ModelCIF file with pLDDT and N, C-alpha, C, O atoms, coordinates in Angstrom:
data_MODEL
#
_entry.id   MODEL 
#
_entity.id                         1 
_entity.type                       polymer 
_entity.pdbx_number_of_molecules   1 
#
_entity_poly.entity_id                      1 
_entity_poly.type                           'polypeptide(L)' 
_entity_poly.nstd_linkage                   no 
_entity_poly.nstd_monomer                   no 
_entity_poly.pdbx_seq_one_letter_code       
;(UNK)(UNK)(UNK)(UNK)(UNK)(UNK)(UNK)(UNK)(UNK)(UNK)(UNK)(UNK)(UNK)(UNK)(UNK)(UNK)
(UNK)(UNK)(UNK)(UNK)(UNK)(UNK)(UNK)(UNK)(UNK)(UNK)(UNK)(UNK)(UNK)(UNK)(UNK)(UNK)
(UNK)(UNK)(UNK)(UNK)(UNK)(UNK)(UNK)(UNK)(UNK)(UNK)(UNK)(UNK)(UNK)(UNK)
;
_entity_poly.pdbx_seq_one_letter_code_can   XXXXXXXXXXXXXXXXXXXXXXXXXXXXXXXXXXXXXXXXXXXXXX 
_entity_poly.pdbx_strand_id                 A 
#
loop_
_entity_poly_seq.entity_id 
_entity_poly_seq.num 
_entity_poly_seq.mon_id 
_entity_poly_seq.hetero 
1 1  UNK n 
1 2  UNK n 
1 3  UNK n 
1 4  UNK n 
1 5  UNK n 
1 6  UNK n 
1 7  UNK n 
1 8  UNK n 
1 9  UNK n 
1 10 UNK n 
1 11 UNK n 
1 12 UNK n 
1 13 UNK n 
1 14 UNK n 
1 15 UNK n 
1 16 UNK n 
1 17 UNK n 
1 18 UNK n 
1 19 UNK n 
1 20 UNK n 
1 21 UNK n 
1 22 UNK n 
1 23 UNK n 
1 24 UNK n 
1 25 UNK n 
1 26 UNK n 
1 27 UNK n 
1 28 UNK n 
1 29 UNK n 
1 30 UNK n 
1 31 UNK n 
1 32 UNK n 
1 33 UNK n 
1 34 UNK n 
1 35 UNK n 
1 36 UNK n 
1 37 UNK n 
1 38 UNK n 
1 39 UNK n 
1 40 UNK n 
1 41 UNK n 
1 42 UNK n 
1 43 UNK n 
1 44 UNK n 
1 45 UNK n 
1 46 UNK n 
#
_struct_asym.id          A 
_struct_asym.entity_id   1 
#
loop_
_ma_qa_metric.id 
_ma_qa_metric.mode 
_ma_qa_metric.name 
_ma_qa_metric.software_group_id 
_ma_qa_metric.type 
1 global pLDDT . pLDDT 
2 local  pLDDT . pLDDT 
#
_ma_qa_metric_global.metric_id      1 
_ma_qa_metric_global.metric_value   91.43 
_ma_qa_metric_global.model_id       1 
_ma_qa_metric_global.ordinal_id     1 
#
loop_
_ma_qa_metric_local.label_asym_id 
_ma_qa_metric_local.label_comp_id 
_ma_qa_metric_local.label_seq_id 
_ma_qa_metric_local.metric_id 
_ma_qa_metric_local.metric_value 
_ma_qa_metric_local.model_id 
_ma_qa_metric_local.ordinal_id 
A UNK 1  2 89.00 1 1  
A UNK 2  2 89.00 1 2  
A UNK 3  2 87.00 1 3  
A UNK 4  2 85.00 1 4  
A UNK 5  2 86.00 1 5  
A UNK 6  2 83.00 1 6  
A UNK 7  2 82.00 1 7  
A UNK 8  2 86.00 1 8  
A UNK 9  2 90.00 1 9  
A UNK 10 2 93.00 1 10 
A UNK 11 2 94.00 1 11 
A UNK 12 2 96.00 1 12 
A UNK 13 2 97.00 1 13 
A UNK 14 2 97.00 1 14 
A UNK 15 2 97.00 1 15 
A UNK 16 2 97.00 1 16 
A UNK 17 2 96.00 1 17 
A UNK 18 2 91.00 1 18 
A UNK 19 2 93.00 1 19 
A UNK 20 2 95.00 1 20 
A UNK 21 2 95.00 1 21 
A UNK 22 2 95.00 1 22 
A UNK 23 2 95.00 1 23 
A UNK 24 2 95.00 1 24 
A UNK 25 2 96.00 1 25 
A UNK 26 2 96.00 1 26 
A UNK 27 2 95.00 1 27 
A UNK 28 2 94.00 1 28 
A UNK 29 2 88.00 1 29 
A UNK 30 2 84.00 1 30 
A UNK 31 2 84.00 1 31 
A UNK 32 2 87.00 1 32 
A UNK 33 2 92.00 1 33 
A UNK 34 2 94.00 1 34 
A UNK 35 2 93.00 1 35 
A UNK 36 2 95.00 1 36 
A UNK 37 2 93.00 1 37 
A UNK 38 2 89.00 1 38 
A UNK 39 2 83.00 1 39 
A UNK 40 2 83.00 1 40 
A UNK 41 2 79.00 1 41 
A UNK 42 2 91.00 1 42 
A UNK 43 2 96.00 1 43 
A UNK 44 2 97.00 1 44 
A UNK 45 2 97.00 1 45 
A UNK 46 2 97.00 1 46 
#
loop_
_atom_site.group_PDB 
_atom_site.id 
_atom_site.type_symbol 
_atom_site.label_atom_id 
_atom_site.label_alt_id 
_atom_site.label_comp_id 
_atom_site.label_asym_id 
_atom_site.label_entity_id 
_atom_site.label_seq_id 
_atom_site.pdbx_PDB_ins_code 
_atom_site.Cartn_x 
_atom_site.Cartn_y 
_atom_site.Cartn_z 
_atom_site.occupancy 
_atom_site.B_iso_or_equiv 
_atom_site.pdbx_formal_charge 
_atom_site.auth_seq_id 
_atom_site.auth_comp_id 
_atom_site.auth_asym_id 
_atom_site.auth_atom_id 
_atom_site.pdbx_PDB_model_num 
ATOM 1   N N  . UNK A 1 1  ? 0.828   -1.197  0.000   1.00 89.00 ? 1  UNK A N  1 
ATOM 2   C CA . UNK A 1 1  ? 0.003   -0.011  0.007   1.00 89.00 ? 1  UNK A CA 1 
ATOM 3   C C  . UNK A 1 1  ? 0.862   1.252   0.001   1.00 89.00 ? 1  UNK A C  1 
ATOM 4   O O  . UNK A 1 1  ? 1.947   1.291   0.582   1.00 89.00 ? 1  UNK A O  1 
ATOM 5   N N  . UNK A 1 2  ? 0.358   2.258   -0.655  1.00 89.00 ? 2  UNK A N  1 
ATOM 6   C CA . UNK A 1 2  ? 0.968   3.579   -0.599  1.00 89.00 ? 2  UNK A CA 1 
ATOM 7   C C  . UNK A 1 2  ? -0.103  4.581   -0.200  1.00 89.00 ? 2  UNK A C  1 
ATOM 8   O O  . UNK A 1 2  ? -1.287  4.369   -0.461  1.00 89.00 ? 2  UNK A O  1 
ATOM 9   N N  . UNK A 1 3  ? 0.307   5.656   0.422   1.00 87.00 ? 3  UNK A N  1 
ATOM 10  C CA . UNK A 1 3  ? -0.626  6.670   0.846   1.00 87.00 ? 3  UNK A CA 1 
ATOM 11  C C  . UNK A 1 3  ? -1.269  6.430   2.186   1.00 87.00 ? 3  UNK A C  1 
ATOM 12  O O  . UNK A 1 3  ? -2.025  7.269   2.674   1.00 87.00 ? 3  UNK A O  1 
ATOM 13  N N  . UNK A 1 4  ? -0.976  5.282   2.794   1.00 85.00 ? 4  UNK A N  1 
ATOM 14  C CA . UNK A 1 4  ? -1.510  4.959   4.094   1.00 85.00 ? 4  UNK A CA 1 
ATOM 15  C C  . UNK A 1 4  ? -0.645  3.922   4.774   1.00 85.00 ? 4  UNK A C  1 
ATOM 16  O O  . UNK A 1 4  ? -0.195  2.972   4.134   1.00 85.00 ? 4  UNK A O  1 
ATOM 17  N N  . UNK A 1 5  ? -0.412  4.088   6.036   1.00 86.00 ? 5  UNK A N  1 
ATOM 18  C CA . UNK A 1 5  ? 0.287   3.089   6.830   1.00 86.00 ? 5  UNK A CA 1 
ATOM 19  C C  . UNK A 1 5  ? -0.721  2.046   7.306   1.00 86.00 ? 5  UNK A C  1 
ATOM 20  O O  . UNK A 1 5  ? -1.746  2.382   7.900   1.00 86.00 ? 5  UNK A O  1 
ATOM 21  N N  . UNK A 1 6  ? -0.421  0.793   7.039   1.00 83.00 ? 6  UNK A N  1 
ATOM 22  C CA . UNK A 1 6  ? -1.337  -0.290  7.351   1.00 83.00 ? 6  UNK A CA 1 
ATOM 23  C C  . UNK A 1 6  ? -1.183  -0.865  8.741   1.00 83.00 ? 6  UNK A C  1 
ATOM 24  O O  . UNK A 1 6  ? -1.894  -1.804  9.099   1.00 83.00 ? 6  UNK A O  1 
ATOM 25  N N  . UNK A 1 7  ? -0.290  -0.338  9.514   1.00 82.00 ? 7  UNK A N  1 
ATOM 26  C CA . UNK A 1 7  ? 0.081   -0.926  10.806  1.00 82.00 ? 7  UNK A CA 1 
ATOM 27  C C  . UNK A 1 7  ? -1.124  -1.239  11.682  1.00 82.00 ? 7  UNK A C  1 
ATOM 28  O O  . UNK A 1 7  ? -1.170  -2.295  12.312  1.00 82.00 ? 7  UNK A O  1 
ATOM 29  N N  . UNK A 1 8  ? -2.091  -0.343  11.729  1.00 86.00 ? 8  UNK A N  1 
ATOM 30  C CA . UNK A 1 8  ? -3.220  -0.525  12.629  1.00 86.00 ? 8  UNK A CA 1 
ATOM 31  C C  . UNK A 1 8  ? -4.517  -0.903  11.891  1.00 86.00 ? 8  UNK A C  1 
ATOM 32  O O  . UNK A 1 8  ? -5.596  -0.902  12.484  1.00 86.00 ? 8  UNK A O  1 
ATOM 33  N N  . UNK A 1 9  ? -4.404  -1.219  10.624  1.00 90.00 ? 9  UNK A N  1 
ATOM 34  C CA . UNK A 1 9  ? -5.575  -1.571  9.832   1.00 90.00 ? 9  UNK A CA 1 
ATOM 35  C C  . UNK A 1 9  ? -5.797  -3.072  9.802   1.00 90.00 ? 9  UNK A C  1 
ATOM 36  O O  . UNK A 1 9  ? -4.876  -3.866  9.990   1.00 90.00 ? 9  UNK A O  1 
ATOM 37  N N  . UNK A 1 10 ? -7.048  -3.434  9.558   1.00 93.00 ? 10 UNK A N  1 
ATOM 38  C CA . UNK A 1 10 ? -7.376  -4.816  9.251   1.00 93.00 ? 10 UNK A CA 1 
ATOM 39  C C  . UNK A 1 10 ? -7.221  -5.025  7.753   1.00 93.00 ? 10 UNK A C  1 
ATOM 40  O O  . UNK A 1 10 ? -7.712  -4.222  6.960   1.00 93.00 ? 10 UNK A O  1 
ATOM 41  N N  . UNK A 1 11 ? -6.545  -6.095  7.360   1.00 94.00 ? 11 UNK A N  1 
ATOM 42  C CA . UNK A 1 11 ? -6.288  -6.412  5.972   1.00 94.00 ? 11 UNK A CA 1 
ATOM 43  C C  . UNK A 1 11 ? -6.934  -7.761  5.654   1.00 94.00 ? 11 UNK A C  1 
ATOM 44  O O  . UNK A 1 11 ? -6.797  -8.722  6.411   1.00 94.00 ? 11 UNK A O  1 
ATOM 45  N N  . UNK A 1 12 ? -7.623  -7.815  4.547   1.00 96.00 ? 12 UNK A N  1 
ATOM 46  C CA . UNK A 1 12 ? -8.245  -9.059  4.117   1.00 96.00 ? 12 UNK A CA 1 
ATOM 47  C C  . UNK A 1 12 ? -7.771  -9.469  2.745   1.00 96.00 ? 12 UNK A C  1 
ATOM 48  O O  . UNK A 1 12 ? -7.520  -8.631  1.879   1.00 96.00 ? 12 UNK A O  1 
ATOM 49  N N  . UNK A 1 13 ? -7.651  -10.776 2.556   1.00 97.00 ? 13 UNK A N  1 
ATOM 50  C CA . UNK A 1 13 ? -7.436  -11.345 1.245   1.00 97.00 ? 13 UNK A CA 1 
ATOM 51  C C  . UNK A 1 13 ? -8.733  -12.023 0.805   1.00 97.00 ? 13 UNK A C  1 
ATOM 52  O O  . UNK A 1 13 ? -9.266  -12.890 1.498   1.00 97.00 ? 13 UNK A O  1 
ATOM 53  N N  . UNK A 1 14 ? -9.215  -11.620 -0.332  1.00 97.00 ? 14 UNK A N  1 
ATOM 54  C CA . UNK A 1 14 ? -10.410 -12.174 -0.930  1.00 97.00 ? 14 UNK A CA 1 
ATOM 55  C C  . UNK A 1 14 ? -10.055 -12.889 -2.225  1.00 97.00 ? 14 UNK A C  1 
ATOM 56  O O  . UNK A 1 14 ? -8.998  -12.650 -2.810  1.00 97.00 ? 14 UNK A O  1 
ATOM 57  N N  . UNK A 1 15 ? -10.934 -13.755 -2.660  1.00 97.00 ? 15 UNK A N  1 
ATOM 58  C CA . UNK A 1 15 ? -10.757 -14.357 -3.971  1.00 97.00 ? 15 UNK A CA 1 
ATOM 59  C C  . UNK A 1 15 ? -12.108 -14.527 -4.641  1.00 97.00 ? 15 UNK A C  1 
ATOM 60  O O  . UNK A 1 15 ? -13.140 -14.676 -3.986  1.00 97.00 ? 15 UNK A O  1 
ATOM 61  N N  . UNK A 1 16 ? -12.072 -14.501 -5.957  1.00 97.00 ? 16 UNK A N  1 
ATOM 62  C CA . UNK A 1 16 ? -13.280 -14.723 -6.740  1.00 97.00 ? 16 UNK A CA 1 
ATOM 63  C C  . UNK A 1 16 ? -12.932 -15.588 -7.940  1.00 97.00 ? 16 UNK A C  1 
ATOM 64  O O  . UNK A 1 16 ? -12.137 -15.208 -8.799  1.00 97.00 ? 16 UNK A O  1 
ATOM 65  N N  . UNK A 1 17 ? -13.544 -16.750 -7.973  1.00 96.00 ? 17 UNK A N  1 
ATOM 66  C CA . UNK A 1 17 ? -13.363 -17.668 -9.090  1.00 96.00 ? 17 UNK A CA 1 
ATOM 67  C C  . UNK A 1 17 ? -14.459 -17.437 -10.115 1.00 96.00 ? 17 UNK A C  1 
ATOM 68  O O  . UNK A 1 17 ? -15.516 -16.910 -9.769  1.00 96.00 ? 17 UNK A O  1 
ATOM 69  N N  . UNK A 1 18 ? -14.241 -17.810 -11.346 1.00 91.00 ? 18 UNK A N  1 
ATOM 70  C CA . UNK A 1 18 ? -15.269 -17.640 -12.381 1.00 91.00 ? 18 UNK A CA 1 
ATOM 71  C C  . UNK A 1 18 ? -16.584 -18.297 -11.977 1.00 91.00 ? 18 UNK A C  1 
ATOM 72  O O  . UNK A 1 18 ? -16.612 -19.467 -11.594 1.00 91.00 ? 18 UNK A O  1 
ATOM 73  N N  . UNK A 1 19 ? -17.661 -17.543 -12.064 1.00 93.00 ? 19 UNK A N  1 
ATOM 74  C CA . UNK A 1 19 ? -18.973 -18.071 -11.754 1.00 93.00 ? 19 UNK A CA 1 
ATOM 75  C C  . UNK A 1 19 ? -19.277 -18.188 -10.287 1.00 93.00 ? 19 UNK A C  1 
ATOM 76  O O  . UNK A 1 19 ? -20.327 -18.722 -9.929  1.00 93.00 ? 19 UNK A O  1 
ATOM 77  N N  . UNK A 1 20 ? -18.406 -17.714 -9.416  1.00 95.00 ? 20 UNK A N  1 
ATOM 78  C CA . UNK A 1 20 ? -18.621 -17.798 -7.981  1.00 95.00 ? 20 UNK A CA 1 
ATOM 79  C C  . UNK A 1 20 ? -18.558 -16.409 -7.351  1.00 95.00 ? 20 UNK A C  1 
ATOM 80  O O  . UNK A 1 20 ? -18.005 -15.468 -7.921  1.00 95.00 ? 20 UNK A O  1 
ATOM 81  N N  . UNK A 1 21 ? -19.142 -16.313 -6.160  1.00 95.00 ? 21 UNK A N  1 
ATOM 82  C CA . UNK A 1 21 ? -19.100 -15.071 -5.411  1.00 95.00 ? 21 UNK A CA 1 
ATOM 83  C C  . UNK A 1 21 ? -17.728 -14.847 -4.807  1.00 95.00 ? 21 UNK A C  1 
ATOM 84  O O  . UNK A 1 21 ? -16.981 -15.793 -4.558  1.00 95.00 ? 21 UNK A O  1 
ATOM 85  N N  . UNK A 1 22 ? -17.410 -13.590 -4.578  1.00 95.00 ? 22 UNK A N  1 
ATOM 86  C CA . UNK A 1 22 ? -16.191 -13.249 -3.891  1.00 95.00 ? 22 UNK A CA 1 
ATOM 87  C C  . UNK A 1 22 ? -16.264 -13.744 -2.448  1.00 95.00 ? 22 UNK A C  1 
ATOM 88  O O  . UNK A 1 22 ? -17.300 -13.611 -1.796  1.00 95.00 ? 22 UNK A O  1 
ATOM 89  N N  . UNK A 1 23 ? -15.187 -14.303 -1.959  1.00 95.00 ? 23 UNK A N  1 
ATOM 90  C CA . UNK A 1 23 ? -15.171 -14.818 -0.606  1.00 95.00 ? 23 UNK A CA 1 
ATOM 91  C C  . UNK A 1 23 ? -13.917 -14.360 0.134   1.00 95.00 ? 23 UNK A C  1 
ATOM 92  O O  . UNK A 1 23 ? -12.860 -14.167 -0.465  1.00 95.00 ? 23 UNK A O  1 
ATOM 93  N N  . UNK A 1 24 ? -14.054 -14.197 1.413   1.00 95.00 ? 24 UNK A N  1 
ATOM 94  C CA . UNK A 1 24 ? -12.931 -13.839 2.267   1.00 95.00 ? 24 UNK A CA 1 
ATOM 95  C C  . UNK A 1 24 ? -12.130 -15.094 2.550   1.00 95.00 ? 24 UNK A C  1 
ATOM 96  O O  . UNK A 1 24 ? -12.664 -16.087 3.046   1.00 95.00 ? 24 UNK A O  1 
ATOM 97  N N  . UNK A 1 25 ? -10.843 -15.043 2.231   1.00 96.00 ? 25 UNK A N  1 
ATOM 98  C CA . UNK A 1 25 ? -9.947  -16.179 2.450   1.00 96.00 ? 25 UNK A CA 1 
ATOM 99  C C  . UNK A 1 25 ? -9.264  -16.081 3.800   1.00 96.00 ? 25 UNK A C  1 
ATOM 100 O O  . UNK A 1 25 ? -9.218  -17.058 4.549   1.00 96.00 ? 25 UNK A O  1 
ATOM 101 N N  . UNK A 1 26 ? -8.735  -14.912 4.115   1.00 96.00 ? 26 UNK A N  1 
ATOM 102 C CA . UNK A 1 26 ? -8.026  -14.711 5.358   1.00 96.00 ? 26 UNK A CA 1 
ATOM 103 C C  . UNK A 1 26 ? -7.980  -13.236 5.683   1.00 96.00 ? 26 UNK A C  1 
ATOM 104 O O  . UNK A 1 26 ? -8.072  -12.398 4.786   1.00 96.00 ? 26 UNK A O  1 
ATOM 105 N N  . UNK A 1 27 ? -7.838  -12.908 6.956   1.00 95.00 ? 27 UNK A N  1 
ATOM 106 C CA . UNK A 1 27 ? -7.699  -11.536 7.366   1.00 95.00 ? 27 UNK A CA 1 
ATOM 107 C C  . UNK A 1 27 ? -6.782  -11.452 8.584   1.00 95.00 ? 27 UNK A C  1 
ATOM 108 O O  . UNK A 1 27 ? -6.617  -12.418 9.330   1.00 95.00 ? 27 UNK A O  1 
ATOM 109 N N  . UNK A 1 28 ? -6.202  -10.292 8.759   1.00 94.00 ? 28 UNK A N  1 
ATOM 110 C CA . UNK A 1 28 ? -5.343  -10.042 9.910   1.00 94.00 ? 28 UNK A CA 1 
ATOM 111 C C  . UNK A 1 28 ? -5.588  -8.610  10.374  1.00 94.00 ? 28 UNK A C  1 
ATOM 112 O O  . UNK A 1 28 ? -5.716  -7.696  9.561   1.00 94.00 ? 28 UNK A O  1 
ATOM 113 N N  . UNK A 1 29 ? -5.649  -8.430  11.677  1.00 88.00 ? 29 UNK A N  1 
ATOM 114 C CA . UNK A 1 29 ? -5.899  -7.093  12.191  1.00 88.00 ? 29 UNK A CA 1 
ATOM 115 C C  . UNK A 1 29 ? -4.937  -6.697  13.294  1.00 88.00 ? 29 UNK A C  1 
ATOM 116 O O  . UNK A 1 29 ? -4.104  -7.484  13.744  1.00 88.00 ? 29 UNK A O  1 
ATOM 117 N N  . UNK A 1 30 ? -5.081  -5.461  13.708  1.00 84.00 ? 30 UNK A N  1 
ATOM 118 C CA . UNK A 1 30 ? -4.195  -4.904  14.706  1.00 84.00 ? 30 UNK A CA 1 
ATOM 119 C C  . UNK A 1 30 ? -4.194  -5.805  15.938  1.00 84.00 ? 30 UNK A C  1 
ATOM 120 O O  . UNK A 1 30 ? -5.250  -6.200  16.432  1.00 84.00 ? 30 UNK A O  1 
ATOM 121 N N  . UNK A 1 31 ? -3.020  -6.118  16.416  1.00 84.00 ? 31 UNK A N  1 
ATOM 122 C CA . UNK A 1 31 ? -2.878  -7.034  17.524  1.00 84.00 ? 31 UNK A CA 1 
ATOM 123 C C  . UNK A 1 31 ? -2.477  -8.420  17.087  1.00 84.00 ? 31 UNK A C  1 
ATOM 124 O O  . UNK A 1 31 ? -2.058  -9.238  17.906  1.00 84.00 ? 31 UNK A O  1 
ATOM 125 N N  . UNK A 1 32 ? -2.603  -8.694  15.789  1.00 87.00 ? 32 UNK A N  1 
ATOM 126 C CA . UNK A 1 32 ? -2.108  -9.946  15.246  1.00 87.00 ? 32 UNK A CA 1 
ATOM 127 C C  . UNK A 1 32 ? -3.147  -11.042 15.102  1.00 87.00 ? 32 UNK A C  1 
ATOM 128 O O  . UNK A 1 32 ? -2.832  -12.111 14.578  1.00 87.00 ? 32 UNK A O  1 
ATOM 129 N N  . UNK A 1 33 ? -4.373  -10.816 15.547  1.00 92.00 ? 33 UNK A N  1 
ATOM 130 C CA . UNK A 1 33 ? -5.396  -11.837 15.409  1.00 92.00 ? 33 UNK A CA 1 
ATOM 131 C C  . UNK A 1 33 ? -5.667  -12.089 13.919  1.00 92.00 ? 33 UNK A C  1 
ATOM 132 O O  . UNK A 1 33 ? -5.606  -11.175 13.096  1.00 92.00 ? 33 UNK A O  1 
ATOM 133 N N  . UNK A 1 34 ? -5.965  -13.339 13.601  1.00 94.00 ? 34 UNK A N  1 
ATOM 134 C CA . UNK A 1 34 ? -6.193  -13.730 12.207  1.00 94.00 ? 34 UNK A CA 1 
ATOM 135 C C  . UNK A 1 34 ? -7.464  -14.518 12.064  1.00 94.00 ? 34 UNK A C  1 
ATOM 136 O O  . UNK A 1 34 ? -7.983  -15.079 13.029  1.00 94.00 ? 34 UNK A O  1 
ATOM 137 N N  . UNK A 1 35 ? -7.954  -14.553 10.862  1.00 93.00 ? 35 UNK A N  1 
ATOM 138 C CA . UNK A 1 35 ? -9.115  -15.337 10.488  1.00 93.00 ? 35 UNK A CA 1 
ATOM 139 C C  . UNK A 1 35 ? -8.798  -16.077 9.211   1.00 93.00 ? 35 UNK A C  1 
ATOM 140 O O  . UNK A 1 35 ? -8.139  -15.540 8.320   1.00 93.00 ? 35 UNK A O  1 
ATOM 141 N N  . UNK A 1 36 ? -9.264  -17.307 9.118   1.00 95.00 ? 36 UNK A N  1 
ATOM 142 C CA . UNK A 1 36 ? -9.131  -18.096 7.907   1.00 95.00 ? 36 UNK A CA 1 
ATOM 143 C C  . UNK A 1 36 ? -10.443 -18.773 7.595   1.00 95.00 ? 36 UNK A C  1 
ATOM 144 O O  . UNK A 1 36 ? -11.154 -19.231 8.489   1.00 95.00 ? 36 UNK A O  1 
ATOM 145 N N  . UNK A 1 37 ? -10.754 -18.832 6.316   1.00 93.00 ? 37 UNK A N  1 
ATOM 146 C CA . UNK A 1 37 ? -11.853 -19.667 5.905   1.00 93.00 ? 37 UNK A CA 1 
ATOM 147 C C  . UNK A 1 37 ? -11.556 -21.110 6.298   1.00 93.00 ? 37 UNK A C  1 
ATOM 148 O O  . UNK A 1 37 ? -10.414 -21.557 6.188   1.00 93.00 ? 37 UNK A O  1 
ATOM 149 N N  . UNK A 1 38 ? -12.564 -21.839 6.752   1.00 89.00 ? 38 UNK A N  1 
ATOM 150 C CA . UNK A 1 38 ? -12.353 -23.183 7.246   1.00 89.00 ? 38 UNK A CA 1 
ATOM 151 C C  . UNK A 1 38 ? -11.632 -24.075 6.238   1.00 89.00 ? 38 UNK A C  1 
ATOM 152 O O  . UNK A 1 38 ? -10.778 -24.881 6.607   1.00 89.00 ? 38 UNK A O  1 
ATOM 153 N N  . UNK A 1 39 ? -11.984 -23.922 4.972   1.00 83.00 ? 39 UNK A N  1 
ATOM 154 C CA . UNK A 1 39 ? -11.400 -24.765 3.958   1.00 83.00 ? 39 UNK A CA 1 
ATOM 155 C C  . UNK A 1 39 ? -9.918  -24.489 3.729   1.00 83.00 ? 39 UNK A C  1 
ATOM 156 O O  . UNK A 1 39 ? -9.222  -25.309 3.131   1.00 83.00 ? 39 UNK A O  1 
ATOM 157 N N  . UNK A 1 40 ? -9.433  -23.353 4.194   1.00 83.00 ? 40 UNK A N  1 
ATOM 158 C CA . UNK A 1 40 ? -8.040  -22.980 3.952   1.00 83.00 ? 40 UNK A CA 1 
ATOM 159 C C  . UNK A 1 40 ? -7.149  -23.093 5.168   1.00 83.00 ? 40 UNK A C  1 
ATOM 160 O O  . UNK A 1 40 ? -5.935  -22.918 5.058   1.00 83.00 ? 40 UNK A O  1 
ATOM 161 N N  . UNK A 1 41 ? -7.725  -23.382 6.332   1.00 79.00 ? 41 UNK A N  1 
ATOM 162 C CA . UNK A 1 41 ? -6.904  -23.523 7.532   1.00 79.00 ? 41 UNK A CA 1 
ATOM 163 C C  . UNK A 1 41 ? -5.895  -24.637 7.345   1.00 79.00 ? 41 UNK A C  1 
ATOM 164 O O  . UNK A 1 41 ? -6.230  -25.728 6.883   1.00 79.00 ? 41 UNK A O  1 
ATOM 165 N N  . UNK A 1 42 ? -4.655  -24.349 7.709   1.00 91.00 ? 42 UNK A N  1 
ATOM 166 C CA . UNK A 1 42 ? -3.591  -25.328 7.570   1.00 91.00 ? 42 UNK A CA 1 
ATOM 167 C C  . UNK A 1 42 ? -2.859  -25.230 6.259   1.00 91.00 ? 42 UNK A C  1 
ATOM 168 O O  . UNK A 1 42 ? -1.762  -25.775 6.142   1.00 91.00 ? 42 UNK A O  1 
ATOM 169 N N  . UNK A 1 43 ? -3.414  -24.560 5.261   1.00 96.00 ? 43 UNK A N  1 
ATOM 170 C CA . UNK A 1 43 ? -2.751  -24.393 3.976   1.00 96.00 ? 43 UNK A CA 1 
ATOM 171 C C  . UNK A 1 43 ? -2.314  -22.963 3.728   1.00 96.00 ? 43 UNK A C  1 
ATOM 172 O O  . UNK A 1 43 ? -1.247  -22.725 3.161   1.00 96.00 ? 43 UNK A O  1 
ATOM 173 N N  . UNK A 1 44 ? -3.137  -22.003 4.153   1.00 97.00 ? 44 UNK A N  1 
ATOM 174 C CA . UNK A 1 44 ? -2.849  -20.592 3.915   1.00 97.00 ? 44 UNK A CA 1 
ATOM 175 C C  . UNK A 1 44 ? -2.449  -19.905 5.219   1.00 97.00 ? 44 UNK A C  1 
ATOM 176 O O  . UNK A 1 44 ? -2.971  -20.219 6.289   1.00 97.00 ? 44 UNK A O  1 
ATOM 177 N N  . UNK A 1 45 ? -1.520  -18.967 5.109   1.00 97.00 ? 45 UNK A N  1 
ATOM 178 C CA . UNK A 1 45 ? -1.097  -18.184 6.250   1.00 97.00 ? 45 UNK A CA 1 
ATOM 179 C C  . UNK A 1 45 ? -1.006  -16.722 5.871   1.00 97.00 ? 45 UNK A C  1 
ATOM 180 O O  . UNK A 1 45 ? -0.353  -16.370 4.889   1.00 97.00 ? 45 UNK A O  1 
ATOM 181 N N  . UNK A 1 46 ? -1.657  -15.868 6.646   1.00 97.00 ? 46 UNK A N  1 
ATOM 182 C CA . UNK A 1 46 ? -1.584  -14.440 6.411   1.00 97.00 ? 46 UNK A CA 1 
ATOM 183 C C  . UNK A 1 46 ? -0.618  -13.825 7.439   1.00 97.00 ? 46 UNK A C  1 
ATOM 184 O O  . UNK A 1 46 ? -0.398  -12.613 7.431   1.00 97.00 ? 46 UNK A O  1 
#
């Protein structure tokens, strides 16, 4: 990112496959807490 410091922001990774809705894959927020879609736990790391 440019124009903003992300240090205290929540950041999400989304994905959208052809013919499917956009979905949240993983997120990380201030303090280090993370979220993962159940199907991606153990494979993806944010």
